[in-house]
PDB file of all heavy atoms in Angstrom:
ATOM      1  N   SER A   1       0.927  -1.244   0.023  1.00  0.00           N
ATOM      2  CA  SER A   1      -0.030  -0.067   0.035  1.00  0.00           C
ATOM      3  C   SER A   1       0.897   1.273  -0.030  1.00  0.00           C
ATOM      4  O   SER A   1       2.063   1.059   0.251  1.00  0.00           O
ATOM      5  CB  SER A   1      -0.876   0.010   1.214  1.00  0.00           C
ATOM      6  OG  SER A   1      -0.186   0.104   2.453  1.00  0.00           O
ATOM      7  N   GLY A   2       0.307   2.375  -0.325  1.00  0.00           N
ATOM      8  CA  GLY A   2       0.971   3.645  -0.297  1.00  0.00           C
ATOM      9  C   GLY A   2       1.794   3.769  -1.531  1.00  0.00           C
ATOM     10  O   GLY A   2       1.531   2.991  -2.556  1.00  0.00           O
ATOM     11  N   GLY A   3       2.694   4.671  -1.641  1.00  0.00           N
ATOM     12  CA  GLY A   3       3.532   4.878  -2.814  1.00  0.00           C
ATOM     13  C   GLY A   3       2.776   5.640  -3.944  1.00  0.00           C
ATOM     14  O   GLY A   3       1.614   6.004  -3.802  1.00  0.00           O
ATOM     15  N   PRO A   4       3.449   5.885  -5.027  1.00  0.00           N
ATOM     16  CA  PRO A   4       2.868   6.567  -6.115  1.00  0.00           C
ATOM     17  C   PRO A   4       1.827   5.760  -6.842  1.00  0.00           C
ATOM     18  O   PRO A   4       1.728   4.459  -6.774  1.00  0.00           O
ATOM     19  CB  PRO A   4       4.106   6.846  -7.013  1.00  0.00           C
ATOM     20  CG  PRO A   4       5.002   5.772  -6.669  1.00  0.00           C
ATOM     21  CD  PRO A   4       4.848   5.385  -5.285  1.00  0.00           C
ATOM     22  N   GLN A   5       0.995   6.504  -7.580  1.00  0.00           N
ATOM     23  CA  GLN A   5       0.069   5.713  -8.511  1.00  0.00           C
ATOM     24  C   GLN A   5       0.817   5.037  -9.776  1.00  0.00           C
ATOM     25  O   GLN A   5       1.665   5.711 -10.377  1.00  0.00           O
ATOM     26  CB  GLN A   5      -0.910   6.737  -9.240  1.00  0.00           C
ATOM     27  CG  GLN A   5      -1.844   6.095 -10.023  1.00  0.00           C
ATOM     28  CD  GLN A   5      -2.828   5.057  -9.362  1.00  0.00           C
ATOM     29  OE1 GLN A   5      -3.348   5.242  -8.366  1.00  0.00           O
ATOM     30  NE2 GLN A   5      -2.975   3.841 -10.114  1.00  0.00           N
ATOM     31  N   ALA A   6       0.759   3.732  -9.700  1.00  0.00           N
ATOM     32  CA  ALA A   6       1.498   2.955 -10.680  1.00  0.00           C
ATOM     33  C   ALA A   6       0.631   2.479 -11.887  1.00  0.00           C
ATOM     34  O   ALA A   6      -0.551   2.237 -11.536  1.00  0.00           O
ATOM     35  CB  ALA A   6       2.256   1.750  -9.992  1.00  0.00           C
ATOM     36  N   GLN A   7       1.226   2.236 -12.961  1.00  0.00           N
ATOM     37  CA  GLN A   7       0.379   1.663 -14.099  1.00  0.00           C
ATOM     38  C   GLN A   7       0.516   0.157 -14.094  1.00  0.00           C
ATOM     39  O   GLN A   7      -0.288  -0.571 -14.446  1.00  0.00           O
ATOM     40  CB  GLN A   7       1.024   2.255 -15.439  1.00  0.00           C
ATOM     41  CG  GLN A   7       0.814   3.574 -15.721  1.00  0.00           C
ATOM     42  CD  GLN A   7      -0.735   3.933 -15.760  1.00  0.00           C
ATOM     43  OE1 GLN A   7      -1.443   3.397 -16.465  1.00  0.00           O
ATOM     44  NE2 GLN A   7      -1.177   4.996 -14.865  1.00  0.00           N
ATOM     45  N   GLU A   8       1.656  -0.322 -13.453  1.00  0.00           N
ATOM     46  CA  GLU A   8       1.883  -1.723 -13.369  1.00  0.00           C
ATOM     47  C   GLU A   8       2.740  -1.939 -12.102  1.00  0.00           C
ATOM     48  O   GLU A   8       3.605  -1.187 -11.742  1.00  0.00           O
ATOM     49  CB  GLU A   8       2.741  -2.190 -14.668  1.00  0.00           C
ATOM     50  CG  GLU A   8       3.139  -3.634 -14.649  1.00  0.00           C
ATOM     51  CD  GLU A   8       3.771  -4.005 -15.881  1.00  0.00           C
ATOM     52  OE1 GLU A   8       4.080  -3.266 -16.925  1.00  0.00           O
ATOM     53  OE2 GLU A   8       4.220  -5.263 -15.969  1.00  0.00           O
ATOM     54  N   PHE A   9       2.771  -3.156 -11.555  1.00  0.00           N
ATOM     55  CA  PHE A   9       3.676  -3.744 -10.655  1.00  0.00           C
ATOM     56  C   PHE A   9       4.472  -4.826 -10.946  1.00  0.00           C
ATOM     57  O   PHE A   9       3.971  -5.645 -11.840  1.00  0.00           O
ATOM     58  CB  PHE A   9       2.982  -3.956  -9.337  1.00  0.00           C
ATOM     59  CG  PHE A   9       2.284  -2.762  -8.553  1.00  0.00           C
ATOM     60  CD1 PHE A   9       1.030  -2.560  -8.610  1.00  0.00           C
ATOM     61  CD2 PHE A   9       3.099  -1.869  -7.858  1.00  0.00           C
ATOM     62  CE1 PHE A   9       0.442  -1.352  -7.931  1.00  0.00           C
ATOM     63  CE2 PHE A   9       2.633  -0.817  -7.150  1.00  0.00           C
ATOM     64  CZ  PHE A   9       1.218  -0.659  -7.219  1.00  0.00           C
ATOM     65  N   VAL A  10       5.685  -4.978 -10.606  1.00  0.00           N
ATOM     66  CA  VAL A  10       6.441  -6.194 -10.687  1.00  0.00           C
ATOM     67  C   VAL A  10       7.007  -6.753  -9.370  1.00  0.00           C
ATOM     68  O   VAL A  10       7.405  -5.862  -8.529  1.00  0.00           O
ATOM     69  CB  VAL A  10       7.749  -5.886 -11.615  1.00  0.00           C
ATOM     70  CG1 VAL A  10       8.616  -6.968 -11.602  1.00  0.00           C
ATOM     71  CG2 VAL A  10       7.271  -5.435 -13.079  1.00  0.00           C
ATOM     72  N   LEU A  11       6.916  -7.960  -9.074  1.00  0.00           N
ATOM     73  CA  LEU A  11       7.239  -8.560  -7.847  1.00  0.00           C
ATOM     74  C   LEU A  11       8.400  -9.489  -8.141  1.00  0.00           C
ATOM     75  O   LEU A  11       8.291 -10.308  -8.864  1.00  0.00           O
ATOM     76  CB  LEU A  11       6.007  -9.289  -7.232  1.00  0.00           C
ATOM     77  CG  LEU A  11       6.355 -10.057  -5.900  1.00  0.00           C
ATOM     78  CD1 LEU A  11       6.847  -9.164  -4.775  1.00  0.00           C
ATOM     79  CD2 LEU A  11       5.180 -10.910  -5.517  1.00  0.00           C
ATOM     80  N   THR A  12       9.561  -9.347  -7.349  1.00  0.00           N
ATOM     81  CA  THR A  12      10.495 -10.328  -7.300  1.00  0.00           C
ATOM     82  C   THR A  12      10.688 -10.857  -5.965  1.00  0.00           C
ATOM     83  O   THR A  12      10.586 -10.249  -4.973  1.00  0.00           O
ATOM     84  CB  THR A  12      11.940  -9.831  -7.870  1.00  0.00           C
ATOM     85  OG1 THR A  12      12.398  -8.802  -6.947  1.00  0.00           O
ATOM     86  CG2 THR A  12      11.674  -9.165  -9.181  1.00  0.00           C
ATOM     87  N   VAL A  13      11.135 -12.238  -5.920  1.00  0.00           N
ATOM     88  CA  VAL A  13      11.498 -12.822  -4.559  1.00  0.00           C
ATOM     89  C   VAL A  13      12.968 -13.543  -4.809  1.00  0.00           C
ATOM     90  O   VAL A  13      13.052 -14.416  -5.732  1.00  0.00           O
ATOM     91  CB  VAL A  13      10.484 -13.869  -4.127  1.00  0.00           C
ATOM     92  CG1 VAL A  13      11.013 -14.442  -2.761  1.00  0.00           C
ATOM     93  CG2 VAL A  13       9.154 -13.210  -3.867  1.00  0.00           C
ATOM     94  N   ILE A  14      13.932 -12.965  -4.113  1.00  0.00           N
ATOM     95  CA  ILE A  14      15.295 -13.521  -4.381  1.00  0.00           C
ATOM     96  C   ILE A  14      15.925 -13.796  -3.052  1.00  0.00           C
ATOM     97  O   ILE A  14      15.861 -13.131  -2.060  1.00  0.00           O
ATOM     98  CB  ILE A  14      16.076 -12.433  -5.130  1.00  0.00           C
ATOM     99  CG1 ILE A  14      15.380 -12.108  -6.445  1.00  0.00           C
ATOM    100  CG2 ILE A  14      17.505 -12.719  -5.260  1.00  0.00           C
ATOM    101  CD1 ILE A  14      15.993 -10.985  -7.234  1.00  0.00           C
ATOM    102  N   ASP A  15      16.633 -15.000  -3.073  1.00  0.00           N
ATOM    103  CA  ASP A  15      17.533 -15.411  -1.934  1.00  0.00           C
ATOM    104  C   ASP A  15      18.950 -14.698  -2.078  1.00  0.00           C
ATOM    105  O   ASP A  15      19.533 -15.047  -3.041  1.00  0.00           O
ATOM    106  CB  ASP A  15      17.606 -16.944  -1.894  1.00  0.00           C
ATOM    107  CG  ASP A  15      18.508 -17.440  -0.925  1.00  0.00           C
ATOM    108  OD1 ASP A  15      19.221 -16.644  -0.078  1.00  0.00           O
ATOM    109  OD2 ASP A  15      18.536 -18.685  -0.572  1.00  0.00           O
ATOM    110  N   ARG A  16      19.199 -13.887  -1.326  1.00  0.00           N
ATOM    111  CA  ARG A  16      20.518 -13.182  -1.402  1.00  0.00           C
ATOM    112  C   ARG A  16      21.721 -13.918  -0.779  1.00  0.00           C
ATOM    113  O   ARG A  16      22.826 -13.537  -0.843  1.00  0.00           O
ATOM    114  CB  ARG A  16      20.370 -11.758  -0.744  1.00  0.00           C
ATOM    115  CG  ARG A  16      19.293 -10.820  -1.282  1.00  0.00           C
ATOM    116  CD  ARG A  16      19.800 -10.218  -2.591  1.00  0.00           C
ATOM    117  NE  ARG A  16      18.715  -9.249  -2.972  1.00  0.00           N
ATOM    118  CZ  ARG A  16      18.541  -8.966  -4.260  1.00  0.00           C
ATOM    119  NH1 ARG A  16      19.372  -9.535  -5.149  1.00  0.00           N
ATOM    120  NH2 ARG A  16      17.656  -8.117  -4.591  1.00  0.00           N
ATOM    121  N   ASP A  17      21.330 -15.002  -0.008  1.00  0.00           N
ATOM    122  CA  ASP A  17      22.327 -15.702   0.613  1.00  0.00           C
ATOM    123  C   ASP A  17      22.752 -17.080  -0.015  1.00  0.00           C
ATOM    124  O   ASP A  17      23.468 -17.812   0.686  1.00  0.00           O
ATOM    125  CB  ASP A  17      21.852 -16.029   2.232  1.00  0.00           C
ATOM    126  CG  ASP A  17      21.678 -14.740   2.995  1.00  0.00           C
ATOM    127  OD1 ASP A  17      22.638 -13.773   2.857  1.00  0.00           O
ATOM    128  OD2 ASP A  17      20.720 -14.606   3.662  1.00  0.00           O
ATOM    129  N   ALA A  18      22.234 -17.281  -1.106  1.00  0.00           N
ATOM    130  CA  ALA A  18      22.411 -18.656  -1.852  1.00  0.00           C
ATOM    131  C   ALA A  18      23.911 -18.724  -2.094  1.00  0.00           C
ATOM    132  O   ALA A  18      24.631 -17.737  -2.466  1.00  0.00           O
ATOM    133  CB  ALA A  18      21.579 -18.756  -3.198  1.00  0.00           C
ATOM    134  N   PRO A  19      24.411 -19.995  -2.040  1.00  0.00           N
ATOM    135  CA  PRO A  19      25.854 -20.144  -2.232  1.00  0.00           C
ATOM    136  C   PRO A  19      26.481 -19.637  -3.565  1.00  0.00           C
ATOM    137  O   PRO A  19      27.538 -19.114  -3.598  1.00  0.00           O
ATOM    138  CB  PRO A  19      26.041 -21.652  -2.237  1.00  0.00           C
ATOM    139  CG  PRO A  19      24.905 -22.170  -1.499  1.00  0.00           C
ATOM    140  CD  PRO A  19      23.740 -21.146  -1.664  1.00  0.00           C
ATOM    141  N   GLY A  20      25.654 -19.659  -4.681  1.00  0.00           N
ATOM    142  CA  GLY A  20      26.109 -19.216  -6.002  1.00  0.00           C
ATOM    143  C   GLY A  20      25.740 -17.696  -6.229  1.00  0.00           C
ATOM    144  O   GLY A  20      25.901 -17.202  -7.352  1.00  0.00           O
ATOM    145  N   GLY A  21      25.245 -16.998  -5.211  1.00  0.00           N
ATOM    146  CA  GLY A  21      24.907 -15.568  -5.421  1.00  0.00           C
ATOM    147  C   GLY A  21      23.348 -15.464  -5.292  1.00  0.00           C
ATOM    148  O   GLY A  21      22.744 -16.379  -4.749  1.00  0.00           O
ATOM    149  N   GLN A  22      22.745 -14.449  -6.000  1.00  0.00           N
ATOM    150  CA  GLN A  22      21.364 -14.419  -5.992  1.00  0.00           C
ATOM    151  C   GLN A  22      20.571 -15.650  -6.451  1.00  0.00           C
ATOM    152  O   GLN A  22      20.971 -16.028  -7.701  1.00  0.00           O
ATOM    153  CB  GLN A  22      20.766 -13.080  -6.396  1.00  0.00           C
ATOM    154  CG  GLN A  22      20.932 -12.916  -7.961  1.00  0.00           C
ATOM    155  CD  GLN A  22      20.441 -11.505  -8.417  1.00  0.00           C
ATOM    156  OE1 GLN A  22      20.175 -10.640  -7.549  1.00  0.00           O
ATOM    157  NE2 GLN A  22      20.369 -11.258  -9.616  1.00  0.00           N
ATOM    158  N   PHE A  23      19.473 -16.060  -5.983  1.00  0.00           N
ATOM    159  CA  PHE A  23      18.743 -17.257  -6.410  1.00  0.00           C
ATOM    160  C   PHE A  23      17.249 -16.687  -6.460  1.00  0.00           C
ATOM    161  O   PHE A  23      16.732 -16.452  -5.427  1.00  0.00           O
ATOM    162  CB  PHE A  23      18.905 -18.281  -5.334  1.00  0.00           C
ATOM    163  CG  PHE A  23      18.398 -19.717  -5.890  1.00  0.00           C
ATOM    164  CD1 PHE A  23      19.254 -20.524  -6.404  1.00  0.00           C
ATOM    165  CD2 PHE A  23      17.045 -20.158  -5.625  1.00  0.00           C
ATOM    166  CE1 PHE A  23      18.854 -21.823  -6.868  1.00  0.00           C
ATOM    167  CE2 PHE A  23      16.658 -21.303  -6.154  1.00  0.00           C
ATOM    168  CZ  PHE A  23      17.534 -22.177  -6.739  1.00  0.00           C
ATOM    169  N   VAL A  24      16.767 -16.837  -7.646  1.00  0.00           N
ATOM    170  CA  VAL A  24      15.376 -16.345  -7.894  1.00  0.00           C
ATOM    171  C   VAL A  24      14.322 -17.429  -7.500  1.00  0.00           C
ATOM    172  O   VAL A  24      14.400 -18.484  -8.047  1.00  0.00           O
ATOM    173  CB  VAL A  24      15.170 -15.908  -9.376  1.00  0.00           C
ATOM    174  CG1 VAL A  24      13.781 -15.467  -9.700  1.00  0.00           C
ATOM    175  CG2 VAL A  24      16.150 -14.800  -9.821  1.00  0.00           C
ATOM    176  N   HIS A  25      13.465 -16.960  -6.576  1.00  0.00           N
ATOM    177  CA  HIS A  25      12.292 -17.856  -6.229  1.00  0.00           C
ATOM    178  C   HIS A  25      11.031 -17.617  -6.882  1.00  0.00           C
ATOM    179  O   HIS A  25      10.170 -18.538  -7.172  1.00  0.00           O
ATOM    180  CB  HIS A  25      12.071 -17.890  -4.699  1.00  0.00           C
ATOM    181  CG  HIS A  25      13.186 -18.575  -4.070  1.00  0.00           C
ATOM    182  ND1 HIS A  25      13.107 -19.870  -3.727  1.00  0.00           N
ATOM    183  CD2 HIS A  25      14.402 -18.248  -3.610  1.00  0.00           C
ATOM    184  CE1 HIS A  25      14.232 -20.269  -3.048  1.00  0.00           C
ATOM    185  NE2 HIS A  25      14.993 -19.283  -3.000  1.00  0.00           N
ATOM    186  N   TRP A  26      10.839 -16.285  -7.367  1.00  0.00           N
ATOM    187  CA  TRP A  26       9.497 -15.892  -7.908  1.00  0.00           C
ATOM    188  C   TRP A  26       9.741 -14.585  -8.828  1.00  0.00           C
ATOM    189  O   TRP A  26      10.304 -13.703  -8.152  1.00  0.00           O
ATOM    190  CB  TRP A  26       8.491 -15.782  -6.871  1.00  0.00           C
ATOM    191  CG  TRP A  26       7.049 -15.902  -7.242  1.00  0.00           C
ATOM    192  CD1 TRP A  26       6.584 -16.456  -8.386  1.00  0.00           C
ATOM    193  CD2 TRP A  26       5.959 -15.411  -6.450  1.00  0.00           C
ATOM    194  NE1 TRP A  26       5.215 -16.311  -8.381  1.00  0.00           N
ATOM    195  CE2 TRP A  26       4.850 -15.707  -7.235  1.00  0.00           C
ATOM    196  CE3 TRP A  26       5.918 -14.894  -5.240  1.00  0.00           C
ATOM    197  CZ2 TRP A  26       3.529 -15.500  -6.893  1.00  0.00           C
ATOM    198  CZ3 TRP A  26       4.458 -14.497  -4.827  1.00  0.00           C
ATOM    199  CH2 TRP A  26       3.379 -14.940  -5.584  1.00  0.00           C
ATOM    200  N   LEU A  27       9.115 -14.580  -9.880  1.00  0.00           N
ATOM    201  CA  LEU A  27       9.023 -13.276 -10.642  1.00  0.00           C
ATOM    202  C   LEU A  27       7.580 -13.170 -11.172  1.00  0.00           C
ATOM    203  O   LEU A  27       7.168 -14.091 -11.754  1.00  0.00           O
ATOM    204  CB  LEU A  27       9.848 -13.367 -12.043  1.00  0.00           C
ATOM    205  CG  LEU A  27      11.438 -13.487 -11.755  1.00  0.00           C
ATOM    206  CD1 LEU A  27      12.012 -13.784 -13.009  1.00  0.00           C
ATOM    207  CD2 LEU A  27      12.018 -12.201 -11.162  1.00  0.00           C
ATOM    208  N   VAL A  28       7.021 -12.010 -10.902  1.00  0.00           N
ATOM    209  CA  VAL A  28       5.580 -11.730 -11.334  1.00  0.00           C
ATOM    210  C   VAL A  28       5.595 -10.428 -11.934  1.00  0.00           C
ATOM    211  O   VAL A  28       6.012  -9.447 -11.363  1.00  0.00           O
ATOM    212  CB  VAL A  28       4.525 -11.891 -10.226  1.00  0.00           C
ATOM    213  CG1 VAL A  28       3.214 -11.725 -10.739  1.00  0.00           C
ATOM    214  CG2 VAL A  28       4.752 -13.232  -9.483  1.00  0.00           C
ATOM    215  N   TRP A  29       5.043 -10.316 -13.185  1.00  0.00           N
ATOM    216  CA  TRP A  29       4.971  -8.827 -13.706  1.00  0.00           C
ATOM    217  C   TRP A  29       3.548  -8.792 -14.349  1.00  0.00           C
ATOM    218  O   TRP A  29       2.814  -9.713 -14.353  1.00  0.00           O
ATOM    219  CB  TRP A  29       6.086  -8.765 -14.822  1.00  0.00           C
ATOM    220  CG  TRP A  29       5.963  -9.567 -15.964  1.00  0.00           C
ATOM    221  CD1 TRP A  29       5.038  -9.570 -17.074  1.00  0.00           C
ATOM    222  CD2 TRP A  29       6.620 -10.831 -16.175  1.00  0.00           C
ATOM    223  NE1 TRP A  29       5.245 -10.499 -17.971  1.00  0.00           N
ATOM    224  CE2 TRP A  29       6.167 -11.403 -17.389  1.00  0.00           C
ATOM    225  CE3 TRP A  29       7.629 -11.554 -15.427  1.00  0.00           C
ATOM    226  CZ2 TRP A  29       6.713 -12.608 -17.861  1.00  0.00           C
ATOM    227  CZ3 TRP A  29       8.127 -12.745 -15.840  1.00  0.00           C
ATOM    228  CH2 TRP A  29       7.667 -13.266 -17.083  1.00  0.00           C
ATOM    229  N   GLY A  30       3.308  -7.616 -14.913  1.00  0.00           N
ATOM    230  CA  GLY A  30       1.955  -7.448 -15.422  1.00  0.00           C
ATOM    231  C   GLY A  30       0.829  -7.238 -14.456  1.00  0.00           C
ATOM    232  O   GLY A  30      -0.241  -7.393 -14.747  1.00  0.00           O
ATOM    233  N   ILE A  31       1.347  -7.015 -13.144  1.00  0.00           N
ATOM    234  CA  ILE A  31       0.312  -6.876 -12.146  1.00  0.00           C
ATOM    235  C   ILE A  31      -0.317  -5.440 -12.359  1.00  0.00           C
ATOM    236  O   ILE A  31       0.371  -4.376 -12.217  1.00  0.00           O
ATOM    237  CB  ILE A  31       0.927  -6.887 -10.702  1.00  0.00           C
ATOM    238  CG1 ILE A  31       1.604  -8.238 -10.460  1.00  0.00           C
ATOM    239  CG2 ILE A  31      -0.148  -6.667  -9.613  1.00  0.00           C
ATOM    240  CD1 ILE A  31       2.443  -8.345  -9.398  1.00  0.00           C
ATOM    241  N   PRO A  32      -1.652  -5.350 -12.504  1.00  0.00           N
ATOM    242  CA  PRO A  32      -2.275  -4.056 -12.717  1.00  0.00           C
ATOM    243  C   PRO A  32      -1.994  -3.028 -11.692  1.00  0.00           C
ATOM    244  O   PRO A  32      -1.967  -3.323 -10.450  1.00  0.00           O
ATOM    245  CB  PRO A  32      -3.751  -4.237 -12.930  1.00  0.00           C
ATOM    246  CG  PRO A  32      -3.811  -5.835 -13.284  1.00  0.00           C
ATOM    247  CD  PRO A  32      -2.685  -6.474 -12.574  1.00  0.00           C
ATOM    248  N   GLY A  33      -1.914  -1.785 -12.061  1.00  0.00           N
ATOM    249  CA  GLY A  33      -1.712  -0.600 -11.010  1.00  0.00           C
ATOM    250  C   GLY A  33      -2.687  -0.561  -9.948  1.00  0.00           C
ATOM    251  O   GLY A  33      -2.526   0.026  -8.881  1.00  0.00           O
ATOM    252  N   SER A  34      -4.009  -1.134 -10.206  1.00  0.00           N
ATOM    253  CA  SER A  34      -5.048  -1.009  -9.306  1.00  0.00           C
ATOM    254  C   SER A  34      -5.035  -2.067  -8.293  1.00  0.00           C
ATOM    255  O   SER A  34      -5.734  -2.036  -7.321  1.00  0.00           O
ATOM    256  CB  SER A  34      -6.384  -1.030 -10.074  1.00  0.00           C
ATOM    257  OG  SER A  34      -6.457  -2.359 -10.762  1.00  0.00           O
ATOM    258  N   VAL A  35      -4.128  -3.035  -8.396  1.00  0.00           N
ATOM    259  CA  VAL A  35      -4.020  -4.141  -7.491  1.00  0.00           C
ATOM    260  C   VAL A  35      -3.108  -3.863  -6.428  1.00  0.00           C
ATOM    261  O   VAL A  35      -2.069  -3.269  -6.638  1.00  0.00           O
ATOM    262  CB  VAL A  35      -3.638  -5.408  -8.255  1.00  0.00           C
ATOM    263  CG1 VAL A  35      -3.266  -6.577  -7.387  1.00  0.00           C
ATOM    264  CG2 VAL A  35      -4.656  -5.859  -9.281  1.00  0.00           C
ATOM    265  N   GLN A  36      -3.328  -4.331  -5.278  1.00  0.00           N
ATOM    266  CA  GLN A  36      -2.442  -4.020  -3.975  1.00  0.00           C
ATOM    267  C   GLN A  36      -1.999  -5.307  -3.397  1.00  0.00           C
ATOM    268  O   GLN A  36      -1.724  -5.313  -2.133  1.00  0.00           O
ATOM    269  CB  GLN A  36      -3.108  -3.128  -3.013  1.00  0.00           C
ATOM    270  CG  GLN A  36      -3.334  -1.683  -3.633  1.00  0.00           C
ATOM    271  CD  GLN A  36      -3.878  -0.854  -2.578  1.00  0.00           C
ATOM    272  OE1 GLN A  36      -4.642  -1.091  -1.756  1.00  0.00           O
ATOM    273  NE2 GLN A  36      -3.457   0.539  -2.660  1.00  0.00           N
ATOM    274  N   GLY A  37      -1.829  -6.448  -4.095  1.00  0.00           N
ATOM    275  CA  GLY A  37      -1.492  -7.665  -3.483  1.00  0.00           C
ATOM    276  C   GLY A  37      -1.623  -8.885  -4.495  1.00  0.00           C
ATOM    277  O   GLY A  37      -2.233  -8.849  -5.455  1.00  0.00           O
ATOM    278  N   VAL A  38      -0.835  -9.946  -4.063  1.00  0.00           N
ATOM    279  CA  VAL A  38      -0.869 -11.160  -4.757  1.00  0.00           C
ATOM    280  C   VAL A  38      -1.222 -12.239  -3.770  1.00  0.00           C
ATOM    281  O   VAL A  38      -0.652 -12.308  -2.708  1.00  0.00           O
ATOM    282  CB  VAL A  38       0.557 -11.411  -5.464  1.00  0.00           C
ATOM    283  CG1 VAL A  38       0.510 -12.791  -6.151  1.00  0.00           C
ATOM    284  CG2 VAL A  38       0.851 -10.291  -6.390  1.00  0.00           C
ATOM    285  N   ALA A  39      -2.364 -12.910  -4.023  1.00  0.00           N
ATOM    286  CA  ALA A  39      -2.727 -14.015  -3.236  1.00  0.00           C
ATOM    287  C   ALA A  39      -2.260 -15.418  -3.643  1.00  0.00           C
ATOM    288  O   ALA A  39      -1.928 -15.506  -4.764  1.00  0.00           O
ATOM    289  CB  ALA A  39      -4.430 -14.128  -3.244  1.00  0.00           C
ATOM    290  N   PRO A  40      -2.074 -16.424  -2.779  1.00  0.00           N
ATOM    291  CA  PRO A  40      -1.504 -17.682  -3.169  1.00  0.00           C
ATOM    292  C   PRO A  40      -2.455 -18.427  -4.109  1.00  0.00           C
ATOM    293  O   PRO A  40      -1.900 -19.249  -4.886  1.00  0.00           O
ATOM    294  CB  PRO A  40      -1.366 -18.410  -1.883  1.00  0.00           C
ATOM    295  CG  PRO A  40      -1.973 -17.605  -0.817  1.00  0.00           C
ATOM    296  CD  PRO A  40      -2.245 -16.277  -1.341  1.00  0.00           C
ATOM    297  N   GLU A  41      -3.618 -18.153  -4.164  1.00  0.00           N
ATOM    298  CA  GLU A  41      -4.586 -18.954  -4.823  1.00  0.00           C
ATOM    299  C   GLU A  41      -4.532 -18.779  -6.368  1.00  0.00           C
ATOM    300  O   GLU A  41      -4.629 -19.581  -7.173  1.00  0.00           O
ATOM    301  CB  GLU A  41      -6.113 -18.842  -4.533  1.00  0.00           C
ATOM    302  CG  GLU A  41      -6.356 -19.130  -3.103  1.00  0.00           C
ATOM    303  CD  GLU A  41      -6.035 -17.987  -2.068  1.00  0.00           C
ATOM    304  OE1 GLU A  41      -6.190 -16.852  -2.527  1.00  0.00           O
ATOM    305  OE2 GLU A  41      -5.585 -18.233  -0.986  1.00  0.00           O
TER     306      GLU A  41
END
């Protein structure tokens, strides 16, 4: 919540402590600017 009015959101989830450096667990893009969350379902 909060922040500027966005046209789109992008979500990344990254393990910064992985032995080989950053390890990507999740990338989501194209989230409409009117949305304020991502549900597991």
